[in-house]
Amino acid sequence: MKSDNKNKIGAEHASAFSKIEKIHPLKMLLYLAQIGIAILFLMLVFGFVRSELFLHQNSVTPFPRFFSVSSILILLSSYTISRVSKFYRQDELRKMNEYLSFTLMLALMFVLSQLAGWYELAKSGIYFKGQPFGSYIYLISALHILHLGAGIMYLVYVYLRTMYAAADPVRTLVYIRDPYRLLQLSMLSTYWHFLDGLWLALYFIFLFLF
C-alpha cells in the first residue's frame, strides 16, 4: 500500500515537472518577471499600509474619483485584449487589429485617468514630497504606469505587425500559420491580465485605507 502511494506521488511530481518543461522559455521568463513585479509591489504596499496605520494623520482625505475611473477602464481593456487571441485563431486579422486598437486606446485613457487622480491628490494637499503616505501612493501608481508602458509598447509592436500582415493575402497566410505569433499574443494577454489584476488589488487597498 505504501509502495502504491509512493508511486502515485512520484507520478504526480513527474507530471508536474513535465508540464513545467513544456512551457516555452520566453513564457517562463515572463512568469518569473511577474513574480518579481509582484514581490516589488508587495513590499511597497507593506510600506504604504504601515505609513497609513502609524504615520498618516489626515483621515478625511477624499479618495481620488479618477482612480475608480481607472479601474473601469482597465477592466474594459482586459476584456478587449482577451478577444484578440480568439480573432487570431479565426484568421480575422482586421478584427484582431480593431480590438488591439481598442485596448491601446483604453490603456492610454487609463494613464490619463491616473494622472488626473494625481491632480485630485494634489488638490487635497497630498504631494509626492511630504508625508510617506502620499509618497507611496504616487510611487506605486507611477511604477504601475511604468510597467503598463512596457505592455503598451509591445502591444503597439504587435498591432503594427498585424496591420502589415493584414494588408496582403500572402502575408496574412504566413502570419496566421506562424506559431510564434500565437505565443506573442498569449504572452501579451498574460502580462496584460496580470497588470489589470495588480491594479485592482492596489485599488481596493487604497480604497480601504483612505
N, C-alpha and C. Protein backbone atom coordinates (compact mmCIF):
# COMPACT_ATOMS: atom_id res chain seq x y z
N MET A 1 0.83 -1.21 0.00
CA MET A 1 0.00 0.00 0.00
C MET A 1 0.86 1.26 0.00
N LYS A 2 1.89 1.26 0.89
CA LYS A 2 2.81 2.40 0.95
C LYS A 2 3.54 2.58 -0.37
N SER A 3 3.89 1.43 -0.96
CA SER A 3 4.60 1.48 -2.24
C SER A 3 3.73 2.11 -3.32
N ASP A 4 2.42 1.78 -3.29
CA ASP A 4 1.48 2.35 -4.27
C ASP A 4 1.36 3.86 -4.09
N ASN A 5 1.31 4.29 -2.80
CA ASN A 5 1.21 5.73 -2.52
C ASN A 5 2.44 6.47 -3.00
N LYS A 6 3.63 5.87 -2.77
CA LYS A 6 4.88 6.49 -3.22
C LYS A 6 4.91 6.61 -4.74
N ASN A 7 4.45 5.54 -5.40
CA ASN A 7 4.43 5.56 -6.86
C ASN A 7 3.48 6.64 -7.39
N LYS A 8 2.34 6.78 -6.67
CA LYS A 8 1.36 7.78 -7.07
C LYS A 8 1.92 9.19 -6.91
N ILE A 9 2.58 9.44 -5.76
CA ILE A 9 3.19 10.75 -5.50
C ILE A 9 4.29 11.03 -6.52
N GLY A 10 5.10 9.98 -6.80
CA GLY A 10 6.18 10.13 -7.77
C GLY A 10 5.65 10.46 -9.15
N ALA A 11 4.53 9.83 -9.51
CA ALA A 11 3.92 10.09 -10.82
C ALA A 11 3.39 11.52 -10.90
N GLU A 12 2.82 12.01 -9.78
CA GLU A 12 2.30 13.38 -9.74
C GLU A 12 3.43 14.39 -9.90
N HIS A 13 4.56 14.12 -9.20
CA HIS A 13 5.72 15.01 -9.32
C HIS A 13 6.26 15.00 -10.75
N ALA A 14 6.32 13.82 -11.34
CA ALA A 14 6.82 13.71 -12.72
C ALA A 14 5.91 14.46 -13.68
N SER A 15 4.59 14.37 -13.43
CA SER A 15 3.63 15.07 -14.28
C SER A 15 3.79 16.59 -14.16
N ALA A 16 4.02 17.05 -12.91
CA ALA A 16 4.21 18.49 -12.68
C ALA A 16 5.46 18.99 -13.39
N PHE A 17 6.55 18.23 -13.28
CA PHE A 17 7.80 18.62 -13.94
C PHE A 17 7.67 18.61 -15.46
N SER A 18 6.93 17.64 -15.98
CA SER A 18 6.75 17.57 -17.43
C SER A 18 5.96 18.76 -17.95
N LYS A 19 4.99 19.24 -17.13
CA LYS A 19 4.21 20.42 -17.52
C LYS A 19 5.10 21.66 -17.54
N ILE A 20 5.99 21.77 -16.55
CA ILE A 20 6.91 22.91 -16.48
C ILE A 20 7.86 22.90 -17.68
N GLU A 21 8.34 21.69 -18.03
CA GLU A 21 9.28 21.57 -19.15
C GLU A 21 8.64 21.96 -20.48
N LYS A 22 7.31 21.81 -20.57
CA LYS A 22 6.61 22.13 -21.81
C LYS A 22 6.40 23.64 -21.99
N ILE A 23 6.59 24.41 -20.92
CA ILE A 23 6.42 25.86 -21.00
C ILE A 23 7.54 26.46 -21.84
N HIS A 24 7.18 27.31 -22.77
CA HIS A 24 8.18 27.97 -23.62
C HIS A 24 9.11 28.82 -22.76
N PRO A 25 10.42 28.83 -23.06
CA PRO A 25 11.37 29.62 -22.26
C PRO A 25 10.98 31.09 -22.11
N LEU A 26 10.44 31.68 -23.17
CA LEU A 26 10.03 33.09 -23.08
C LEU A 26 8.87 33.27 -22.11
N LYS A 27 7.96 32.30 -22.11
CA LYS A 27 6.84 32.38 -21.17
C LYS A 27 7.32 32.18 -19.74
N MET A 28 8.29 31.31 -19.57
CA MET A 28 8.86 31.09 -18.24
C MET A 28 9.51 32.37 -17.73
N LEU A 29 10.23 33.07 -18.61
CA LEU A 29 10.84 34.35 -18.23
C LEU A 29 9.77 35.37 -17.84
N LEU A 30 8.67 35.36 -18.58
CA LEU A 30 7.56 36.27 -18.26
C LEU A 30 6.99 35.96 -16.88
N TYR A 31 6.78 34.68 -16.59
CA TYR A 31 6.25 34.29 -15.28
C TYR A 31 7.20 34.72 -14.16
N LEU A 32 8.49 34.52 -14.38
CA LEU A 32 9.48 34.92 -13.36
C LEU A 32 9.48 36.44 -13.17
N ALA A 33 9.35 37.17 -14.29
CA ALA A 33 9.29 38.64 -14.20
C ALA A 33 8.06 39.08 -13.43
N GLN A 34 6.95 38.40 -13.65
CA GLN A 34 5.72 38.74 -12.94
C GLN A 34 5.84 38.47 -11.45
N ILE A 35 6.53 37.40 -11.10
CA ILE A 35 6.77 37.11 -9.68
C ILE A 35 7.60 38.23 -9.06
N GLY A 36 8.64 38.67 -9.78
CA GLY A 36 9.48 39.76 -9.30
C GLY A 36 8.69 41.05 -9.12
N ILE A 37 7.82 41.35 -10.10
CA ILE A 37 6.99 42.56 -10.02
C ILE A 37 6.04 42.47 -8.83
N ALA A 38 5.45 41.29 -8.64
CA ALA A 38 4.52 41.10 -7.52
C ALA A 38 5.21 41.31 -6.18
N ILE A 39 6.44 40.80 -6.05
CA ILE A 39 7.21 40.97 -4.81
C ILE A 39 7.51 42.45 -4.57
N LEU A 40 7.90 43.16 -5.64
CA LEU A 40 8.19 44.59 -5.53
C LEU A 40 6.98 45.36 -5.01
N PHE A 41 5.82 45.11 -5.61
CA PHE A 41 4.62 45.82 -5.19
C PHE A 41 4.16 45.40 -3.80
N LEU A 42 4.39 44.15 -3.45
CA LEU A 42 4.05 43.68 -2.11
C LEU A 42 4.84 44.45 -1.06
N MET A 43 6.11 44.67 -1.32
CA MET A 43 6.96 45.44 -0.40
C MET A 43 6.48 46.89 -0.30
N LEU A 44 6.13 47.48 -1.45
CA LEU A 44 5.64 48.86 -1.45
C LEU A 44 4.31 48.98 -0.72
N VAL A 45 3.43 48.02 -0.93
CA VAL A 45 2.13 48.03 -0.25
C VAL A 45 2.31 47.89 1.26
N PHE A 46 3.26 47.06 1.67
CA PHE A 46 3.55 46.91 3.10
C PHE A 46 3.97 48.26 3.69
N GLY A 47 4.85 48.97 2.97
CA GLY A 47 5.28 50.29 3.43
C GLY A 47 4.13 51.28 3.45
N PHE A 48 3.26 51.20 2.44
CA PHE A 48 2.11 52.10 2.37
C PHE A 48 1.15 51.85 3.53
N VAL A 49 0.85 50.59 3.79
CA VAL A 49 -0.06 50.24 4.90
C VAL A 49 0.53 50.71 6.22
N ARG A 50 1.82 50.51 6.39
CA ARG A 50 2.48 50.94 7.63
C ARG A 50 2.39 52.46 7.78
N SER A 51 2.63 53.18 6.69
CA SER A 51 2.57 54.65 6.76
C SER A 51 1.16 55.13 7.06
N GLU A 52 0.16 54.42 6.55
CA GLU A 52 -1.24 54.82 6.79
C GLU A 52 -1.65 54.53 8.23
N LEU A 53 -1.27 53.37 8.74
CA LEU A 53 -1.71 52.97 10.07
C LEU A 53 -0.99 53.70 11.19
N PHE A 54 0.29 54.05 10.95
CA PHE A 54 1.10 54.60 12.04
C PHE A 54 1.54 56.05 11.85
N LEU A 55 1.57 56.52 10.60
CA LEU A 55 2.15 57.84 10.37
C LEU A 55 1.17 58.85 9.80
N HIS A 56 0.18 58.39 9.05
CA HIS A 56 -0.73 59.32 8.37
C HIS A 56 -1.73 59.89 9.35
N GLN A 57 -1.84 61.22 9.39
CA GLN A 57 -2.70 61.89 10.36
C GLN A 57 -4.02 62.38 9.74
N ASN A 58 -4.02 62.61 8.46
CA ASN A 58 -5.21 63.18 7.81
C ASN A 58 -6.17 62.06 7.42
N SER A 59 -7.22 61.87 8.19
CA SER A 59 -8.14 60.76 7.98
C SER A 59 -9.37 61.17 7.16
N VAL A 60 -9.42 62.44 6.71
CA VAL A 60 -10.60 62.91 5.97
C VAL A 60 -10.26 63.20 4.50
N THR A 61 -9.14 62.69 4.02
CA THR A 61 -8.75 62.91 2.63
C THR A 61 -9.72 62.20 1.70
N PRO A 62 -10.34 62.89 0.74
CA PRO A 62 -11.26 62.22 -0.19
C PRO A 62 -10.50 61.29 -1.14
N PHE A 63 -11.11 60.16 -1.43
CA PHE A 63 -10.48 59.20 -2.35
C PHE A 63 -10.58 59.73 -3.78
N PRO A 64 -9.48 59.69 -4.54
CA PRO A 64 -9.50 60.20 -5.92
C PRO A 64 -10.52 59.46 -6.79
N ARG A 65 -11.48 60.19 -7.32
CA ARG A 65 -12.52 59.57 -8.14
C ARG A 65 -11.95 58.97 -9.42
N PHE A 66 -10.89 59.58 -9.93
CA PHE A 66 -10.32 59.08 -11.18
C PHE A 66 -9.62 57.74 -11.01
N PHE A 67 -9.30 57.35 -9.78
CA PHE A 67 -8.77 56.01 -9.56
C PHE A 67 -9.87 54.97 -9.82
N SER A 68 -11.11 55.34 -9.51
CA SER A 68 -12.24 54.45 -9.80
C SER A 68 -12.47 54.36 -11.31
N VAL A 69 -12.34 55.50 -11.98
CA VAL A 69 -12.45 55.52 -13.45
C VAL A 69 -11.37 54.63 -14.06
N SER A 70 -10.16 54.71 -13.50
CA SER A 70 -9.04 53.87 -13.98
C SER A 70 -9.39 52.39 -13.90
N SER A 71 -10.04 52.01 -12.81
CA SER A 71 -10.38 50.60 -12.60
C SER A 71 -11.37 50.11 -13.65
N ILE A 72 -12.34 50.95 -13.99
CA ILE A 72 -13.31 50.59 -15.04
C ILE A 72 -12.61 50.45 -16.39
N LEU A 73 -11.73 51.39 -16.69
CA LEU A 73 -11.02 51.37 -17.97
C LEU A 73 -10.14 50.13 -18.11
N ILE A 74 -9.46 49.77 -17.02
CA ILE A 74 -8.54 48.63 -17.12
C ILE A 74 -9.31 47.31 -17.19
N LEU A 75 -10.50 47.28 -16.59
CA LEU A 75 -11.35 46.09 -16.73
C LEU A 75 -11.83 45.93 -18.17
N LEU A 76 -12.19 47.04 -18.79
CA LEU A 76 -12.60 47.01 -20.20
C LEU A 76 -11.46 46.56 -21.10
N SER A 77 -10.24 47.04 -20.80
CA SER A 77 -9.08 46.65 -21.60
C SER A 77 -8.77 45.17 -21.44
N SER A 78 -9.07 44.64 -20.27
CA SER A 78 -8.86 43.20 -20.04
C SER A 78 -9.80 42.38 -20.93
N TYR A 79 -11.01 42.90 -21.11
CA TYR A 79 -11.97 42.22 -22.00
C TYR A 79 -11.51 42.30 -23.45
N THR A 80 -11.12 43.49 -23.89
CA THR A 80 -10.74 43.65 -25.30
C THR A 80 -9.49 42.84 -25.65
N ILE A 81 -8.53 42.78 -24.73
CA ILE A 81 -7.31 42.00 -25.02
C ILE A 81 -7.61 40.50 -25.06
N SER A 82 -8.62 40.08 -24.30
CA SER A 82 -8.97 38.65 -24.29
C SER A 82 -9.60 38.22 -25.61
N ARG A 83 -10.14 39.16 -26.37
CA ARG A 83 -10.77 38.85 -27.65
C ARG A 83 -9.75 38.72 -28.79
N VAL A 84 -8.57 39.26 -28.58
CA VAL A 84 -7.57 39.31 -29.65
C VAL A 84 -7.15 37.91 -30.10
N SER A 85 -6.80 37.04 -29.15
CA SER A 85 -6.37 35.68 -29.50
C SER A 85 -7.48 34.91 -30.20
N LYS A 86 -8.71 35.16 -29.80
CA LYS A 86 -9.85 34.48 -30.43
C LYS A 86 -9.93 34.83 -31.92
N PHE A 87 -9.79 36.10 -32.22
CA PHE A 87 -9.86 36.53 -33.63
C PHE A 87 -8.65 36.02 -34.42
N TYR A 88 -7.51 35.89 -33.76
CA TYR A 88 -6.33 35.34 -34.44
C TYR A 88 -6.60 33.90 -34.85
N ARG A 89 -7.18 33.13 -33.94
CA ARG A 89 -7.47 31.71 -34.24
C ARG A 89 -8.52 31.59 -35.34
N GLN A 90 -9.35 32.60 -35.49
CA GLN A 90 -10.37 32.59 -36.54
C GLN A 90 -9.87 33.23 -37.84
N ASP A 91 -8.57 33.56 -37.88
CA ASP A 91 -7.94 34.17 -39.06
C ASP A 91 -8.55 35.53 -39.42
N GLU A 92 -9.06 36.23 -38.44
CA GLU A 92 -9.66 37.55 -38.67
C GLU A 92 -8.70 38.63 -38.18
N LEU A 93 -7.69 38.91 -38.99
CA LEU A 93 -6.65 39.84 -38.58
C LEU A 93 -7.16 41.27 -38.44
N ARG A 94 -8.08 41.66 -39.31
CA ARG A 94 -8.59 43.03 -39.23
C ARG A 94 -9.40 43.23 -37.94
N LYS A 95 -10.18 42.22 -37.60
CA LYS A 95 -10.94 42.29 -36.35
C LYS A 95 -9.99 42.26 -35.15
N MET A 96 -8.98 41.46 -35.28
CA MET A 96 -7.96 41.37 -34.23
C MET A 96 -7.29 42.72 -34.01
N ASN A 97 -6.92 43.38 -35.10
CA ASN A 97 -6.28 44.69 -35.00
C ASN A 97 -7.23 45.75 -34.42
N GLU A 98 -8.50 45.58 -34.74
CA GLU A 98 -9.50 46.51 -34.20
C GLU A 98 -9.52 46.44 -32.67
N TYR A 99 -9.47 45.23 -32.14
CA TYR A 99 -9.50 45.07 -30.68
C TYR A 99 -8.16 45.43 -30.04
N LEU A 100 -7.09 45.27 -30.78
CA LEU A 100 -5.80 45.76 -30.29
C LEU A 100 -5.83 47.28 -30.15
N SER A 101 -6.44 47.94 -31.14
CA SER A 101 -6.54 49.41 -31.07
C SER A 101 -7.46 49.84 -29.94
N PHE A 102 -8.54 49.09 -29.69
CA PHE A 102 -9.42 49.39 -28.55
C PHE A 102 -8.63 49.30 -27.24
N THR A 103 -7.83 48.23 -27.14
CA THR A 103 -7.04 48.02 -25.93
C THR A 103 -6.04 49.14 -25.73
N LEU A 104 -5.39 49.55 -26.82
CA LEU A 104 -4.42 50.64 -26.75
C LEU A 104 -5.09 51.94 -26.30
N MET A 105 -6.25 52.22 -26.87
CA MET A 105 -6.98 53.44 -26.51
C MET A 105 -7.37 53.43 -25.03
N LEU A 106 -7.86 52.30 -24.55
CA LEU A 106 -8.24 52.17 -23.14
C LEU A 106 -7.03 52.30 -22.22
N ALA A 107 -5.89 51.76 -22.66
CA ALA A 107 -4.67 51.85 -21.86
C ALA A 107 -4.21 53.30 -21.72
N LEU A 108 -4.26 54.04 -22.82
CA LEU A 108 -3.86 55.45 -22.78
C LEU A 108 -4.83 56.26 -21.93
N MET A 109 -6.10 55.93 -22.00
CA MET A 109 -7.10 56.60 -21.15
C MET A 109 -6.86 56.26 -19.68
N PHE A 110 -6.42 55.03 -19.43
CA PHE A 110 -6.09 54.63 -18.05
C PHE A 110 -4.96 55.50 -17.51
N VAL A 111 -3.91 55.68 -18.32
CA VAL A 111 -2.77 56.50 -17.89
C VAL A 111 -3.23 57.93 -17.61
N LEU A 112 -4.06 58.48 -18.49
CA LEU A 112 -4.56 59.85 -18.28
C LEU A 112 -5.40 59.94 -17.01
N SER A 113 -6.21 58.92 -16.75
CA SER A 113 -7.03 58.94 -15.54
C SER A 113 -6.18 58.82 -14.28
N GLN A 114 -5.05 58.12 -14.38
CA GLN A 114 -4.12 58.05 -13.25
C GLN A 114 -3.53 59.43 -12.97
N LEU A 115 -3.15 60.12 -14.03
CA LEU A 115 -2.60 61.47 -13.87
C LEU A 115 -3.66 62.42 -13.29
N ALA A 116 -4.90 62.23 -13.72
CA ALA A 116 -6.00 63.03 -13.15
C ALA A 116 -6.18 62.71 -11.67
N GLY A 117 -5.98 61.45 -11.31
CA GLY A 117 -6.04 61.06 -9.90
C GLY A 117 -4.94 61.72 -9.09
N TRP A 118 -3.76 61.86 -9.69
CA TRP A 118 -2.66 62.57 -9.01
C TRP A 118 -3.05 64.03 -8.78
N TYR A 119 -3.71 64.62 -9.78
CA TYR A 119 -4.14 66.02 -9.65
C TYR A 119 -5.13 66.17 -8.50
N GLU A 120 -6.04 65.20 -8.38
CA GLU A 120 -7.00 65.22 -7.27
C GLU A 120 -6.29 65.12 -5.92
N LEU A 121 -5.27 64.26 -5.86
CA LEU A 121 -4.50 64.13 -4.62
C LEU A 121 -3.82 65.45 -4.27
N ALA A 122 -3.22 66.09 -5.28
CA ALA A 122 -2.53 67.36 -5.04
C ALA A 122 -3.51 68.43 -4.55
N LYS A 123 -4.72 68.45 -5.13
CA LYS A 123 -5.73 69.41 -4.69
C LYS A 123 -6.14 69.17 -3.24
N SER A 124 -6.03 67.91 -2.80
CA SER A 124 -6.38 67.57 -1.42
C SER A 124 -5.21 67.79 -0.46
N GLY A 125 -4.08 68.27 -1.01
CA GLY A 125 -2.92 68.55 -0.16
C GLY A 125 -1.98 67.38 0.03
N ILE A 126 -2.12 66.34 -0.81
CA ILE A 126 -1.23 65.18 -0.74
C ILE A 126 -0.25 65.26 -1.90
N TYR A 127 1.03 65.43 -1.57
CA TYR A 127 2.07 65.59 -2.59
C TYR A 127 3.09 64.45 -2.48
N PHE A 128 3.88 64.31 -3.55
CA PHE A 128 4.90 63.25 -3.53
C PHE A 128 5.93 63.53 -2.44
N LYS A 129 6.35 64.78 -2.35
CA LYS A 129 7.29 65.16 -1.29
C LYS A 129 6.49 65.66 -0.10
N GLY A 130 6.48 64.91 0.93
CA GLY A 130 5.71 65.26 2.12
C GLY A 130 5.59 64.06 3.02
N GLN A 131 4.36 63.73 3.35
CA GLN A 131 4.13 62.56 4.19
C GLN A 131 4.44 61.28 3.42
N PRO A 132 4.98 60.26 4.09
CA PRO A 132 5.24 58.98 3.42
C PRO A 132 3.99 58.39 2.79
N PHE A 133 2.84 58.63 3.40
CA PHE A 133 1.56 58.15 2.87
C PHE A 133 1.38 58.59 1.42
N GLY A 134 1.57 59.89 1.17
CA GLY A 134 1.41 60.41 -0.19
C GLY A 134 2.49 59.92 -1.13
N SER A 135 3.72 59.85 -0.63
CA SER A 135 4.84 59.39 -1.46
C SER A 135 4.60 57.98 -1.98
N TYR A 136 4.08 57.11 -1.11
CA TYR A 136 3.82 55.72 -1.51
C TYR A 136 2.73 55.65 -2.58
N ILE A 137 1.69 56.46 -2.44
CA ILE A 137 0.60 56.42 -3.44
C ILE A 137 1.13 56.80 -4.82
N TYR A 138 1.84 57.90 -4.89
CA TYR A 138 2.40 58.35 -6.18
C TYR A 138 3.38 57.32 -6.73
N LEU A 139 4.24 56.79 -5.87
CA LEU A 139 5.26 55.83 -6.32
C LEU A 139 4.64 54.55 -6.84
N ILE A 140 3.67 54.01 -6.10
CA ILE A 140 3.01 52.77 -6.51
C ILE A 140 2.28 52.97 -7.84
N SER A 141 1.54 54.08 -7.94
CA SER A 141 0.81 54.37 -9.18
C SER A 141 1.77 54.56 -10.36
N ALA A 142 2.86 55.31 -10.13
CA ALA A 142 3.83 55.57 -11.20
C ALA A 142 4.51 54.30 -11.67
N LEU A 143 4.86 53.43 -10.73
CA LEU A 143 5.51 52.16 -11.11
C LEU A 143 4.56 51.27 -11.90
N HIS A 144 3.29 51.30 -11.54
CA HIS A 144 2.31 50.51 -12.30
C HIS A 144 2.19 51.06 -13.72
N ILE A 145 2.16 52.39 -13.85
CA ILE A 145 2.12 53.00 -15.18
C ILE A 145 3.36 52.62 -15.99
N LEU A 146 4.51 52.61 -15.33
CA LEU A 146 5.77 52.26 -15.99
C LEU A 146 5.72 50.83 -16.54
N HIS A 147 5.23 49.90 -15.73
CA HIS A 147 5.13 48.51 -16.19
C HIS A 147 4.07 48.36 -17.28
N LEU A 148 2.99 49.14 -17.15
CA LEU A 148 1.97 49.12 -18.20
C LEU A 148 2.54 49.69 -19.50
N GLY A 149 3.43 50.68 -19.37
CA GLY A 149 4.08 51.27 -20.54
C GLY A 149 4.83 50.23 -21.36
N ALA A 150 5.48 49.29 -20.67
CA ALA A 150 6.17 48.20 -21.37
C ALA A 150 5.17 47.36 -22.15
N GLY A 151 4.02 47.10 -21.54
CA GLY A 151 2.97 46.35 -22.23
C GLY A 151 2.41 47.11 -23.41
N ILE A 152 2.26 48.43 -23.26
CA ILE A 152 1.75 49.27 -24.35
C ILE A 152 2.70 49.25 -25.55
N MET A 153 4.00 49.33 -25.28
CA MET A 153 4.98 49.31 -26.38
C MET A 153 4.93 47.98 -27.13
N TYR A 154 4.79 46.89 -26.40
CA TYR A 154 4.70 45.58 -27.04
C TYR A 154 3.39 45.46 -27.82
N LEU A 155 2.33 46.02 -27.26
CA LEU A 155 1.03 46.00 -27.93
C LEU A 155 1.11 46.76 -29.26
N VAL A 156 1.76 47.91 -29.24
CA VAL A 156 1.92 48.71 -30.47
C VAL A 156 2.71 47.92 -31.52
N TYR A 157 3.76 47.21 -31.07
CA TYR A 157 4.56 46.38 -31.98
C TYR A 157 3.69 45.30 -32.63
N VAL A 158 2.90 44.60 -31.82
CA VAL A 158 2.02 43.55 -32.35
C VAL A 158 0.99 44.15 -33.29
N TYR A 159 0.46 45.30 -32.93
CA TYR A 159 -0.53 45.99 -33.77
C TYR A 159 0.04 46.32 -35.15
N LEU A 160 1.24 46.88 -35.18
CA LEU A 160 1.85 47.27 -36.46
C LEU A 160 2.18 46.05 -37.32
N ARG A 161 2.67 44.97 -36.66
CA ARG A 161 2.97 43.74 -37.41
C ARG A 161 1.69 43.14 -37.99
N THR A 162 0.63 43.16 -37.21
CA THR A 162 -0.65 42.61 -37.68
C THR A 162 -1.24 43.45 -38.81
N MET A 163 -1.14 44.76 -38.69
CA MET A 163 -1.65 45.66 -39.73
C MET A 163 -0.89 45.43 -41.04
N TYR A 164 0.42 45.25 -40.94
CA TYR A 164 1.24 44.99 -42.13
C TYR A 164 0.85 43.66 -42.77
N ALA A 165 0.62 42.64 -41.95
CA ALA A 165 0.26 41.32 -42.47
C ALA A 165 -1.13 41.33 -43.08
N ALA A 166 -2.05 42.06 -42.47
CA ALA A 166 -3.44 42.07 -42.93
C ALA A 166 -3.61 42.76 -44.28
N ALA A 167 -2.63 43.56 -44.68
CA ALA A 167 -2.73 44.32 -45.94
C ALA A 167 -2.49 43.46 -47.17
N ASP A 168 -1.98 42.25 -47.00
CA ASP A 168 -1.64 41.40 -48.14
C ASP A 168 -2.06 39.96 -47.84
N PRO A 169 -2.78 39.27 -48.75
CA PRO A 169 -3.25 37.91 -48.50
C PRO A 169 -2.13 36.91 -48.22
N VAL A 170 -1.00 37.05 -48.93
CA VAL A 170 0.12 36.13 -48.72
C VAL A 170 0.72 36.34 -47.34
N ARG A 171 0.94 37.61 -46.98
CA ARG A 171 1.49 37.90 -45.65
C ARG A 171 0.52 37.46 -44.56
N THR A 172 -0.78 37.58 -44.84
CA THR A 172 -1.79 37.14 -43.87
C THR A 172 -1.66 35.65 -43.62
N LEU A 173 -1.51 34.88 -44.70
CA LEU A 173 -1.40 33.43 -44.59
C LEU A 173 -0.16 33.03 -43.79
N VAL A 174 0.96 33.68 -44.09
CA VAL A 174 2.21 33.40 -43.36
C VAL A 174 2.05 33.76 -41.89
N TYR A 175 1.41 34.88 -41.64
CA TYR A 175 1.25 35.39 -40.26
C TYR A 175 0.41 34.43 -39.41
N ILE A 176 -0.72 33.98 -39.94
CA ILE A 176 -1.62 33.15 -39.15
C ILE A 176 -1.12 31.72 -39.01
N ARG A 177 -0.14 31.33 -39.85
CA ARG A 177 0.42 29.98 -39.73
C ARG A 177 1.70 29.95 -38.88
N ASP A 178 2.12 31.10 -38.41
CA ASP A 178 3.34 31.18 -37.61
C ASP A 178 3.00 30.98 -36.13
N PRO A 179 3.43 29.86 -35.52
CA PRO A 179 3.09 29.59 -34.11
C PRO A 179 3.68 30.62 -33.15
N TYR A 180 4.75 31.30 -33.58
CA TYR A 180 5.37 32.30 -32.71
C TYR A 180 4.43 33.49 -32.50
N ARG A 181 3.56 33.77 -33.48
CA ARG A 181 2.62 34.88 -33.33
C ARG A 181 1.61 34.59 -32.23
N LEU A 182 1.17 33.34 -32.15
CA LEU A 182 0.24 32.96 -31.09
C LEU A 182 0.91 33.05 -29.72
N LEU A 183 2.19 32.70 -29.67
CA LEU A 183 2.95 32.83 -28.42
C LEU A 183 3.04 34.30 -28.01
N GLN A 184 3.30 35.17 -28.98
CA GLN A 184 3.35 36.61 -28.70
C GLN A 184 2.04 37.11 -28.11
N LEU A 185 0.94 36.71 -28.72
CA LEU A 185 -0.37 37.14 -28.25
C LEU A 185 -0.67 36.59 -26.86
N SER A 186 -0.29 35.35 -26.65
CA SER A 186 -0.51 34.72 -25.34
C SER A 186 0.28 35.44 -24.25
N MET A 187 1.53 35.79 -24.54
CA MET A 187 2.36 36.50 -23.57
C MET A 187 1.82 37.90 -23.30
N LEU A 188 1.40 38.58 -24.36
CA LEU A 188 0.82 39.92 -24.21
C LEU A 188 -0.43 39.87 -23.34
N SER A 189 -1.29 38.90 -23.62
CA SER A 189 -2.54 38.76 -22.86
C SER A 189 -2.27 38.42 -21.40
N THR A 190 -1.31 37.51 -21.16
CA THR A 190 -0.96 37.11 -19.80
C THR A 190 -0.43 38.29 -19.00
N TYR A 191 0.47 39.04 -19.60
CA TYR A 191 1.06 40.20 -18.92
C TYR A 191 0.00 41.27 -18.66
N TRP A 192 -0.88 41.46 -19.64
CA TRP A 192 -1.92 42.48 -19.51
C TRP A 192 -2.88 42.14 -18.37
N HIS A 193 -3.34 40.90 -18.35
CA HIS A 193 -4.26 40.47 -17.28
C HIS A 193 -3.58 40.56 -15.91
N PHE A 194 -2.29 40.26 -15.87
CA PHE A 194 -1.54 40.37 -14.61
C PHE A 194 -1.55 41.81 -14.10
N LEU A 195 -1.26 42.76 -15.00
CA LEU A 195 -1.24 44.18 -14.60
C LEU A 195 -2.64 44.67 -14.24
N ASP A 196 -3.65 44.16 -14.94
CA ASP A 196 -5.03 44.51 -14.60
C ASP A 196 -5.37 44.05 -13.18
N GLY A 197 -5.07 42.79 -12.90
CA GLY A 197 -5.33 42.25 -11.57
C GLY A 197 -4.54 42.97 -10.50
N LEU A 198 -3.30 43.33 -10.83
CA LEU A 198 -2.44 44.05 -9.88
C LEU A 198 -3.06 45.41 -9.54
N TRP A 199 -3.50 46.14 -10.56
CA TRP A 199 -4.10 47.45 -10.28
C TRP A 199 -5.37 47.32 -9.44
N LEU A 200 -6.21 46.34 -9.76
CA LEU A 200 -7.45 46.17 -8.99
C LEU A 200 -7.16 45.87 -7.53
N ALA A 201 -6.12 45.06 -7.28
CA ALA A 201 -5.72 44.77 -5.90
C ALA A 201 -5.25 46.06 -5.21
N LEU A 202 -4.45 46.85 -5.92
CA LEU A 202 -3.97 48.13 -5.37
C LEU A 202 -5.13 49.09 -5.13
N TYR A 203 -6.06 49.10 -6.06
CA TYR A 203 -7.23 50.00 -5.94
C TYR A 203 -8.02 49.72 -4.66
N PHE A 204 -8.28 48.44 -4.40
CA PHE A 204 -9.07 48.10 -3.21
C PHE A 204 -8.29 48.36 -1.92
N ILE A 205 -6.98 48.20 -1.98
CA ILE A 205 -6.15 48.55 -0.81
C ILE A 205 -6.21 50.05 -0.55
N PHE A 206 -6.06 50.85 -1.62
CA PHE A 206 -6.17 52.30 -1.49
C PHE A 206 -7.55 52.69 -0.94
N LEU A 207 -8.58 52.08 -1.51
CA LEU A 207 -9.95 52.40 -1.13
C LEU A 207 -10.21 52.08 0.34
N PHE A 208 -9.67 50.96 0.79
CA PHE A 208 -9.88 50.52 2.17
C PHE A 208 -9.16 51.41 3.17
N LEU A 209 -7.98 51.90 2.79
CA LEU A 209 -7.15 52.65 3.74
C LEU A 209 -7.38 54.16 3.70
N PHE A 210 -8.09 54.66 2.70
CA PHE A 210 -8.33 56.11 2.65
C PHE A 210 -9.36 56.52 3.71
